[in-house]
Amino acid sequence: MKILDYGCGHGMHSVLPAKLGAEVYAIDLSKESLKIAKERAKKENIEEKIKFIEMDCEKLDFPDNYFDVIWDGGTFSSLDVNRAFTSLKAKR
């Protein structure tokens, strides 16, 4: 299963799916948040199972129909929802 952790922040929602065998892509615009998320994954010994990518959630750079699941842990509250949905609709 291929999962997008959309606006992963500190990576708290990336860990469990990776431990369960999912291919996890964790994206965030914040370099600092991604650094913390990578450290979390390293402590859990799964740093090789999560692809951390600095990316704007309103401008996704993935092929259409790429993900089985797109997870949002609260990112929509800080985005232009219309732009975000336009970017998301073909990715799953």
PDB file of N, CA and C in Angstrom:
ATOM      1  N   MET A   1       0.841  -1.174   0.000  1.00  0.00           N
ATOM      2  CA  MET A   1       0.000   0.000   0.000  1.00  0.00           C
ATOM      3  C   MET A   1       0.886   1.236   0.000  1.00  0.00           C
ATOM      4  N   LYS A   2       0.526   2.203  -0.817  1.00  0.00           N
ATOM      5  CA  LYS A   2       1.272   3.449  -0.929  1.00  0.00           C
ATOM      6  C   LYS A   2       0.446   4.557  -0.272  1.00  0.00           C
ATOM      7  N   ILE A   3       1.038   5.204   0.750  1.00  0.00           N
ATOM      8  CA  ILE A   3       0.334   6.209   1.539  1.00  0.00           C
ATOM      9  C   ILE A   3       1.058   7.548   1.462  1.00  0.00           C
ATOM     10  N   LEU A   4       0.281   8.613   1.291  1.00  0.00           N
ATOM     11  CA  LEU A   4       0.817   9.965   1.369  1.00  0.00           C
ATOM     12  C   LEU A   4       0.420  10.556   2.714  1.00  0.00           C
ATOM     13  N   ASP A   5       1.422  10.913   3.516  1.00  0.00           N
ATOM     14  CA  ASP A   5       1.175  11.660   4.750  1.00  0.00           C
ATOM     15  C   ASP A   5       1.284  13.125   4.357  1.00  0.00           C
ATOM     16  N   TYR A   6       0.122  13.725   4.137  1.00  0.00           N
ATOM     17  CA  TYR A   6      -0.045  15.044   3.541  1.00  0.00           C
ATOM     18  C   TYR A   6       0.143  16.124   4.606  1.00  0.00           C
ATOM     19  N   GLY A   7       1.288  16.800   4.548  1.00  0.00           N
ATOM     20  CA  GLY A   7       1.610  17.774   5.591  1.00  0.00           C
ATOM     21  C   GLY A   7       2.000  17.035   6.851  1.00  0.00           C
ATOM     22  N   CYS A   8       3.063  16.247   6.756  1.00  0.00           N
ATOM     23  CA  CYS A   8       3.426  15.291   7.814  1.00  0.00           C
ATOM     24  C   CYS A   8       3.863  15.921   9.121  1.00  0.00           C
ATOM     25  N   GLY A   9       4.242  17.205   9.103  1.00  0.00           N
ATOM     26  CA  GLY A   9       4.681  17.830  10.344  1.00  0.00           C
ATOM     27  C   GLY A   9       5.847  17.071  10.956  1.00  0.00           C
ATOM     28  N   HIS A  10       5.704  16.671  12.203  1.00  0.00           N
ATOM     29  CA  HIS A  10       6.779  15.964  12.918  1.00  0.00           C
ATOM     30  C   HIS A  10       6.785  14.469  12.659  1.00  0.00           C
ATOM     31  N   GLY A  11       5.941  13.992  11.758  1.00  0.00           N
ATOM     32  CA  GLY A  11       5.974  12.592  11.340  1.00  0.00           C
ATOM     33  C   GLY A  11       5.230  11.614  12.216  1.00  0.00           C
ATOM     34  N   MET A  12       4.416  12.109  13.135  1.00  0.00           N
ATOM     35  CA  MET A  12       3.751  11.187  14.064  1.00  0.00           C
ATOM     36  C   MET A  12       2.785  10.227  13.378  1.00  0.00           C
ATOM     37  N   HIS A  13       2.230  10.621  12.222  1.00  0.00           N
ATOM     38  CA  HIS A  13       1.297   9.744  11.523  1.00  0.00           C
ATOM     39  C   HIS A  13       1.985   8.888  10.463  1.00  0.00           C
ATOM     40  N   SER A  14       3.257   9.079  10.256  1.00  0.00           N
ATOM     41  CA  SER A  14       4.011   8.308   9.257  1.00  0.00           C
ATOM     42  C   SER A  14       4.528   6.996   9.810  1.00  0.00           C
ATOM     43  N   VAL A  15       4.767   6.948  11.100  1.00  0.00           N
ATOM     44  CA  VAL A  15       5.464   5.820  11.719  1.00  0.00           C
ATOM     45  C   VAL A  15       4.677   4.512  11.657  1.00  0.00           C
ATOM     46  N   LEU A  16       3.459   4.498  12.128  1.00  0.00           N
ATOM     47  CA  LEU A  16       2.703   3.245  12.199  1.00  0.00           C
ATOM     48  C   LEU A  16       2.489   2.600  10.834  1.00  0.00           C
ATOM     49  N   PRO A  17       2.037   3.325   9.821  1.00  0.00           N
ATOM     50  CA  PRO A  17       1.868   2.664   8.524  1.00  0.00           C
ATOM     51  C   PRO A  17       3.178   2.083   7.993  1.00  0.00           C
ATOM     52  N   ALA A  18       4.285   2.787   8.217  1.00  0.00           N
ATOM     53  CA  ALA A  18       5.584   2.265   7.778  1.00  0.00           C
ATOM     54  C   ALA A  18       5.935   0.991   8.526  1.00  0.00           C
ATOM     55  N   LYS A  19       5.665   0.970   9.827  1.00  0.00           N
ATOM     56  CA  LYS A  19       5.928  -0.245  10.618  1.00  0.00           C
ATOM     57  C   LYS A  19       5.084  -1.421  10.148  1.00  0.00           C
ATOM     58  N   LEU A  20       3.904  -1.111   9.630  1.00  0.00           N
ATOM     59  CA  LEU A  20       2.999  -2.162   9.158  1.00  0.00           C
ATOM     60  C   LEU A  20       3.274  -2.566   7.713  1.00  0.00           C
ATOM     61  N   GLY A  21       4.293  -1.974   7.106  1.00  0.00           N
ATOM     62  CA  GLY A  21       4.714  -2.385   5.774  1.00  0.00           C
ATOM     63  C   GLY A  21       4.287  -1.493   4.626  1.00  0.00           C
ATOM     64  N   ALA A  22       3.612  -0.401   4.906  1.00  0.00           N
ATOM     65  CA  ALA A  22       3.203   0.509   3.835  1.00  0.00           C
ATOM     66  C   ALA A  22       4.403   1.287   3.308  1.00  0.00           C
ATOM     67  N   GLU A  23       4.306   1.690   2.065  1.00  0.00           N
ATOM     68  CA  GLU A  23       5.283   2.587   1.462  1.00  0.00           C
ATOM     69  C   GLU A  23       4.775   3.995   1.744  1.00  0.00           C
ATOM     70  N   VAL A  24       5.469   4.726   2.613  1.00  0.00           N
ATOM     71  CA  VAL A  24       4.981   6.023   3.090  1.00  0.00           C
ATOM     72  C   VAL A  24       5.797   7.157   2.475  1.00  0.00           C
ATOM     73  N   TYR A  25       5.077   8.129   1.944  1.00  0.00           N
ATOM     74  CA  TYR A  25       5.653   9.374   1.453  1.00  0.00           C
ATOM     75  C   TYR A  25       5.170  10.459   2.395  1.00  0.00           C
ATOM     76  N   ALA A  26       6.076  11.096   3.092  1.00  0.00           N
ATOM     77  CA  ALA A  26       5.731  12.128   4.070  1.00  0.00           C
ATOM     78  C   ALA A  26       6.199  13.469   3.529  1.00  0.00           C
ATOM     79  N   ILE A  27       5.229  14.349   3.235  1.00  0.00           N
ATOM     80  CA  ILE A  27       5.595  15.642   2.656  1.00  0.00           C
ATOM     81  C   ILE A  27       5.241  16.777   3.611  1.00  0.00           C
ATOM     82  N   ASP A  28       6.067  17.808   3.559  1.00  0.00           N
ATOM     83  CA  ASP A  28       5.814  19.017   4.337  1.00  0.00           C
ATOM     84  C   ASP A  28       6.641  20.132   3.724  1.00  0.00           C
ATOM     85  N   LEU A  29       6.189  21.344   3.900  1.00  0.00           N
ATOM     86  CA  LEU A  29       6.914  22.502   3.387  1.00  0.00           C
ATOM     87  C   LEU A  29       8.007  22.959   4.353  1.00  0.00           C
ATOM     88  N   SER A  30       7.893  22.561   5.617  1.00  0.00           N
ATOM     89  CA  SER A  30       8.832  22.993   6.647  1.00  0.00           C
ATOM     90  C   SER A  30      10.051  22.072   6.743  1.00  0.00           C
ATOM     91  N   LYS A  31      11.210  22.626   6.469  1.00  0.00           N
ATOM     92  CA  LYS A  31      12.457  21.863   6.600  1.00  0.00           C
ATOM     93  C   LYS A  31      12.661  21.411   8.039  1.00  0.00           C
ATOM     94  N   GLU A  32      12.333  22.274   8.981  1.00  0.00           N
ATOM     95  CA  GLU A  32      12.511  21.942  10.398  1.00  0.00           C
ATOM     96  C   GLU A  32      11.602  20.789  10.813  1.00  0.00           C
ATOM     97  N   SER A  33      10.356  20.813  10.365  1.00  0.00           N
ATOM     98  CA  SER A  33       9.429  19.711  10.682  1.00  0.00           C
ATOM     99  C   SER A  33       9.923  18.399  10.074  1.00  0.00           C
ATOM    100  N   LEU A  34      10.404  18.457   8.854  1.00  0.00           N
ATOM    101  CA  LEU A  34      10.919  17.240   8.217  1.00  0.00           C
ATOM    102  C   LEU A  34      12.144  16.700   8.954  1.00  0.00           C
ATOM    103  N   LYS A  35      12.978  17.588   9.447  1.00  0.00           N
ATOM    104  CA  LYS A  35      14.150  17.157  10.229  1.00  0.00           C
ATOM    105  C   LYS A  35      13.697  16.409  11.482  1.00  0.00           C
ATOM    106  N   ILE A  36      12.714  16.937  12.174  1.00  0.00           N
ATOM    107  CA  ILE A  36      12.181  16.287  13.377  1.00  0.00           C
ATOM    108  C   ILE A  36      11.527  14.952  13.011  1.00  0.00           C
ATOM    109  N   ALA A  37      10.783  14.928  11.901  1.00  0.00           N
ATOM    110  CA  ALA A  37      10.127  13.692  11.455  1.00  0.00           C
ATOM    111  C   ALA A  37      11.158  12.615  11.132  1.00  0.00           C
ATOM    112  N   LYS A  38      12.244  12.999  10.489  1.00  0.00           N
ATOM    113  CA  LYS A  38      13.309  12.037  10.173  1.00  0.00           C
ATOM    114  C   LYS A  38      13.939  11.484  11.444  1.00  0.00           C
ATOM    115  N   GLU A  39      14.139  12.347  12.435  1.00  0.00           N
ATOM    116  CA  GLU A  39      14.698  11.896  13.711  1.00  0.00           C
ATOM    117  C   GLU A  39      13.752  10.911  14.400  1.00  0.00           C
ATOM    118  N   ARG A  40      12.451  11.176  14.326  1.00  0.00           N
ATOM    119  CA  ARG A  40      11.447  10.267  14.900  1.00  0.00           C
ATOM    120  C   ARG A  40      11.530   8.901  14.214  1.00  0.00           C
ATOM    121  N   ALA A  41      11.607   8.916  12.895  1.00  0.00           N
ATOM    122  CA  ALA A  41      11.685   7.660  12.149  1.00  0.00           C
ATOM    123  C   ALA A  41      12.967   6.899  12.479  1.00  0.00           C
ATOM    124  N   LYS A  42      14.052   7.627  12.661  1.00  0.00           N
ATOM    125  CA  LYS A  42      15.318   6.986  13.009  1.00  0.00           C
ATOM    126  C   LYS A  42      15.227   6.307  14.377  1.00  0.00           C
ATOM    127  N   LYS A  43      14.605   6.974  15.344  1.00  0.00           N
ATOM    128  CA  LYS A  43      14.435   6.383  16.680  1.00  0.00           C
ATOM    129  C   LYS A  43      13.587   5.113  16.628  1.00  0.00           C
ATOM    130  N   GLU A  44      12.680   5.066  15.678  1.00  0.00           N
ATOM    131  CA  GLU A  44      11.793   3.900  15.518  1.00  0.00           C
ATOM    132  C   GLU A  44      12.389   2.842  14.590  1.00  0.00           C
ATOM    133  N   ASN A  45      13.608   3.091  14.099  1.00  0.00           N
ATOM    134  CA  ASN A  45      14.307   2.183  13.183  1.00  0.00           C
ATOM    135  C   ASN A  45      13.543   1.921  11.889  1.00  0.00           C
ATOM    136  N   ILE A  46      12.908   2.960  11.372  1.00  0.00           N
ATOM    137  CA  ILE A  46      12.174   2.825  10.109  1.00  0.00           C
ATOM    138  C   ILE A  46      12.535   3.945   9.125  1.00  0.00           C
ATOM    139  N   GLU A  47      13.663   4.597   9.347  1.00  0.00           N
ATOM    140  CA  GLU A  47      14.015   5.733   8.491  1.00  0.00           C
ATOM    141  C   GLU A  47      14.136   5.359   7.016  1.00  0.00           C
ATOM    142  N   GLU A  48      14.429   4.096   6.724  1.00  0.00           N
ATOM    143  CA  GLU A  48      14.542   3.651   5.338  1.00  0.00           C
ATOM    144  C   GLU A  48      13.185   3.359   4.715  1.00  0.00           C
ATOM    145  N   LYS A  49      12.133   3.321   5.518  1.00  0.00           N
ATOM    146  CA  LYS A  49      10.807   2.950   5.024  1.00  0.00           C
ATOM    147  C   LYS A  49       9.909   4.149   4.723  1.00  0.00           C
ATOM    148  N   ILE A  50      10.376   5.343   5.042  1.00  0.00           N
ATOM    149  CA  ILE A  50       9.585   6.548   4.803  1.00  0.00           C
ATOM    150  C   ILE A  50      10.389   7.492   3.919  1.00  0.00           C
ATOM    151  N   LYS A  51       9.759   7.976   2.873  1.00  0.00           N
ATOM    152  CA  LYS A  51      10.397   8.951   1.997  1.00  0.00           C
ATOM    153  C   LYS A  51       9.928  10.342   2.430  1.00  0.00           C
ATOM    154  N   PHE A  52      10.822  11.108   3.011  1.00  0.00           N
ATOM    155  CA  PHE A  52      10.517  12.457   3.459  1.00  0.00           C
ATOM    156  C   PHE A  52      10.860  13.436   2.339  1.00  0.00           C
ATOM    157  N   ILE A  53       9.877  14.260   1.978  1.00  0.00           N
ATOM    158  CA  ILE A  53      10.050  15.150   0.834  1.00  0.00           C
ATOM    159  C   ILE A  53       9.566  16.553   1.190  1.00  0.00           C
ATOM    160  N   GLU A  54      10.420  17.537   0.941  1.00  0.00           N
ATOM    161  CA  GLU A  54       9.992  18.926   1.108  1.00  0.00           C
ATOM    162  C   GLU A  54       9.142  19.289  -0.108  1.00  0.00           C
ATOM    163  N   MET A  55       7.860  19.577   0.138  1.00  0.00           N
ATOM    164  CA  MET A  55       6.945  19.854  -0.964  1.00  0.00           C
ATOM    165  C   MET A  55       5.776  20.692  -0.480  1.00  0.00           C
ATOM    166  N   ASP A  56       5.299  21.562  -1.347  1.00  0.00           N
ATOM    167  CA  ASP A  56       4.124  22.383  -1.094  1.00  0.00           C
ATOM    168  C   ASP A  56       2.881  21.509  -1.280  1.00  0.00           C
ATOM    169  N   CYS A  57       2.060  21.403  -0.261  1.00  0.00           N
ATOM    170  CA  CYS A  57       0.858  20.561  -0.325  1.00  0.00           C
ATOM    171  C   CYS A  57      -0.162  21.063  -1.347  1.00  0.00           C
ATOM    172  N   GLU A  58      -0.059  22.304  -1.741  1.00  0.00           N
ATOM    173  CA  GLU A  58      -0.976  22.841  -2.747  1.00  0.00           C
ATOM    174  C   GLU A  58      -0.459  22.629  -4.169  1.00  0.00           C
ATOM    175  N   LYS A  59       0.743  22.089  -4.292  1.00  0.00           N
ATOM    176  CA  LYS A  59       1.354  21.854  -5.610  1.00  0.00           C
ATOM    177  C   LYS A  59       2.053  20.496  -5.606  1.00  0.00           C
ATOM    178  N   LEU A  60       1.295  19.434  -5.499  1.00  0.00           N
ATOM    179  CA  LEU A  60       1.880  18.098  -5.423  1.00  0.00           C
ATOM    180  C   LEU A  60       2.595  17.728  -6.716  1.00  0.00           C
ATOM    181  N   ASP A  61       3.697  17.044  -6.569  1.00  0.00           N
ATOM    182  CA  ASP A  61       4.497  16.626  -7.720  1.00  0.00           C
ATOM    183  C   ASP A  61       4.606  15.104  -7.743  1.00  0.00           C
ATOM    184  N   PHE A  62       3.471  14.440  -7.928  1.00  0.00           N
ATOM    185  CA  PHE A  62       3.391  12.989  -8.044  1.00  0.00           C
ATOM    186  C   PHE A  62       2.527  12.660  -9.250  1.00  0.00           C
ATOM    187  N   PRO A  63       2.728  11.488  -9.847  1.00  0.00           N
ATOM    188  CA  PRO A  63       1.857  11.087 -10.959  1.00  0.00           C
ATOM    189  C   PRO A  63       0.412  10.904 -10.486  1.00  0.00           C
ATOM    190  N   ASP A  64      -0.530  11.017 -11.417  1.00  0.00           N
ATOM    191  CA  ASP A  64      -1.934  10.762 -11.096  1.00  0.00           C
ATOM    192  C   ASP A  64      -2.114   9.321 -10.633  1.00  0.00           C
ATOM    193  N   ASN A  65      -3.066   9.112  -9.750  1.00  0.00           N
ATOM    194  CA  ASN A  65      -3.417   7.792  -9.222  1.00  0.00           C
ATOM    195  C   ASN A  65      -2.231   7.080  -8.569  1.00  0.00           C
ATOM    196  N   TYR A  66      -1.379   7.825  -7.927  1.00  0.00           N
ATOM    197  CA  TYR A  66      -0.143   7.282  -7.353  1.00  0.00           C
ATOM    198  C   TYR A  66      -0.351   6.647  -5.979  1.00  0.00           C
ATOM    199  N   PHE A  67      -1.302   7.158  -5.197  1.00  0.00           N
ATOM    200  CA  PHE A  67      -1.474   6.711  -3.820  1.00  0.00           C
ATOM    201  C   PHE A  67      -2.749   5.905  -3.627  1.00  0.00           C
ATOM    202  N   ASP A  68      -2.669   4.953  -2.707  1.00  0.00           N
ATOM    203  CA  ASP A  68      -3.850   4.202  -2.291  1.00  0.00           C
ATOM    204  C   ASP A  68      -4.620   4.981  -1.235  1.00  0.00           C
ATOM    205  N   VAL A  69      -3.867   5.686  -0.372  1.00  0.00           N
ATOM    206  CA  VAL A  69      -4.461   6.450   0.725  1.00  0.00           C
ATOM    207  C   VAL A  69      -3.728   7.780   0.842  1.00  0.00           C
ATOM    208  N   ILE A  70      -4.493   8.845   1.064  1.00  0.00           N
ATOM    209  CA  ILE A  70      -3.912  10.146   1.388  1.00  0.00           C
ATOM    210  C   ILE A  70      -4.410  10.518   2.774  1.00  0.00           C
ATOM    211  N   TRP A  71      -3.470  10.707   3.689  1.00  0.00           N
ATOM    212  CA  TRP A  71      -3.798  11.001   5.088  1.00  0.00           C
ATOM    213  C   TRP A  71      -3.499  12.473   5.379  1.00  0.00           C
ATOM    214  N   ASP A  72      -4.465  13.146   5.988  1.00  0.00           N
ATOM    215  CA  ASP A  72      -4.263  14.525   6.427  1.00  0.00           C
ATOM    216  C   ASP A  72      -4.518  14.591   7.921  1.00  0.00           C
ATOM    217  N   GLY A  73      -3.510  14.959   8.680  1.00  0.00           N
ATOM    218  CA  GLY A  73      -3.650  15.063  10.128  1.00  0.00           C
ATOM    219  C   GLY A  73      -3.952  16.472  10.601  1.00  0.00           C
ATOM    220  N   GLY A  74      -4.426  17.342   9.717  1.00  0.00           N
ATOM    221  CA  GLY A  74      -4.795  18.686  10.125  1.00  0.00           C
ATOM    222  C   GLY A  74      -4.234  19.783   9.237  1.00  0.00           C
ATOM    223  N   THR A  75      -3.625  19.420   8.144  1.00  0.00           N
ATOM    224  CA  THR A  75      -2.999  20.390   7.261  1.00  0.00           C
ATOM    225  C   THR A  75      -3.999  21.285   6.543  1.00  0.00           C
ATOM    226  N   PHE A  76      -5.172  20.750   6.226  1.00  0.00           N
ATOM    227  CA  PHE A  76      -6.152  21.531   5.465  1.00  0.00           C
ATOM    228  C   PHE A  76      -6.510  22.844   6.146  1.00  0.00           C
ATOM    229  N   SER A  77      -6.421  22.911   7.436  1.00  0.00           N
ATOM    230  CA  SER A  77      -6.790  24.134   8.147  1.00  0.00           C
ATOM    231  C   SER A  77      -5.850  25.300   7.839  1.00  0.00           C
ATOM    232  N   SER A  78      -4.682  25.017   7.265  1.00  0.00           N
ATOM    233  CA  SER A  78      -3.738  26.090   6.973  1.00  0.00           C
ATOM    234  C   SER A  78      -3.489  26.278   5.475  1.00  0.00           C
ATOM    235  N   LEU A  79      -4.376  25.733   4.651  1.00  0.00           N
ATOM    236  CA  LEU A  79      -4.199  25.800   3.197  1.00  0.00           C
ATOM    237  C   LEU A  79      -5.372  26.494   2.525  1.00  0.00           C
ATOM    238  N   ASP A  80      -5.171  26.842   1.266  1.00  0.00           N
ATOM    239  CA  ASP A  80      -6.268  27.238   0.395  1.00  0.00           C
ATOM    240  C   ASP A  80      -6.902  25.921  -0.055  1.00  0.00           C
ATOM    241  N   VAL A  81      -8.032  25.585   0.515  1.00  0.00           N
ATOM    242  CA  VAL A  81      -8.647  24.273   0.306  1.00  0.00           C
ATOM    243  C   VAL A  81      -8.949  24.020  -1.175  1.00  0.00           C
ATOM    244  N   ASN A  82      -9.385  25.004  -1.907  1.00  0.00           N
ATOM    245  CA  ASN A  82      -9.684  24.808  -3.329  1.00  0.00           C
ATOM    246  C   ASN A  82      -8.435  24.420  -4.114  1.00  0.00           C
ATOM    247  N   ARG A  83      -7.331  25.097  -3.856  1.00  0.00           N
ATOM    248  CA  ARG A  83      -6.072  24.744  -4.535  1.00  0.00           C
ATOM    249  C   ARG A  83      -5.587  23.368  -4.094  1.00  0.00           C
ATOM    250  N   ALA A  84      -5.706  23.075  -2.811  1.00  0.00           N
ATOM    251  CA  ALA A  84      -5.254  21.785  -2.291  1.00  0.00           C
ATOM    252  C   ALA A  84      -6.063  20.644  -2.900  1.00  0.00           C
ATOM    253  N   PHE A  85      -7.386  20.764  -2.931  1.00  0.00           N
ATOM    254  CA  PHE A  85      -8.222  19.701  -3.486  1.00  0.00           C
ATOM    255  C   PHE A  85      -7.961  19.493  -4.971  1.00  0.00           C
ATOM    256  N   THR A  86      -7.728  20.577  -5.686  1.00  0.00           N
ATOM    257  CA  THR A  86      -7.413  20.466  -7.113  1.00  0.00           C
ATOM    258  C   THR A  86      -6.145  19.648  -7.312  1.00  0.00           C
ATOM    259  N   SER A  87      -5.158  19.877  -6.464  1.00  0.00           N
ATOM    260  CA  SER A  87      -3.900  19.147  -6.540  1.00  0.00           C
ATOM    261  C   SER A  87      -4.053  17.687  -6.110  1.00  0.00           C
ATOM    262  N   LEU A  88      -4.935  17.440  -5.158  1.00  0.00           N
ATOM    263  CA  LEU A  88      -5.126  16.092  -4.606  1.00  0.00           C
ATOM    264  C   LEU A  88      -5.995  15.166  -5.443  1.00  0.00           C
ATOM    265  N   LYS A  89      -6.993  15.687  -6.118  1.00  0.00           N
ATOM    266  CA  LYS A  89      -8.037  14.850  -6.682  1.00  0.00           C
ATOM    267  C   LYS A  89      -7.542  13.774  -7.646  1.00  0.00           C
ATOM    268  N   ALA A  90      -6.484  13.991  -8.367  1.00  0.00           N
ATOM    269  CA  ALA A  90      -6.005  12.987  -9.321  1.00  0.00           C
ATOM    270  C   ALA A  90      -4.892  12.105  -8.747  1.00  0.00           C
ATOM    271  N   LYS A  91      -4.450  12.387  -7.546  1.00  0.00           N
ATOM    272  CA  LYS A  91      -3.333  11.634  -6.982  1.00  0.00           C
ATOM    273  C   LYS A  91      -3.765  10.310  -6.377  1.00  0.00           C
ATOM    274  N   ARG A  92      -5.046  10.189  -6.134  1.00  0.00           N
ATOM    275  CA  ARG A  92      -5.565   8.946  -5.572  1.00  0.00           C
ATOM    276  C   ARG A  92      -6.611   8.384  -6.500  1.00  0.00           C
TER     277      ARG A  92
END
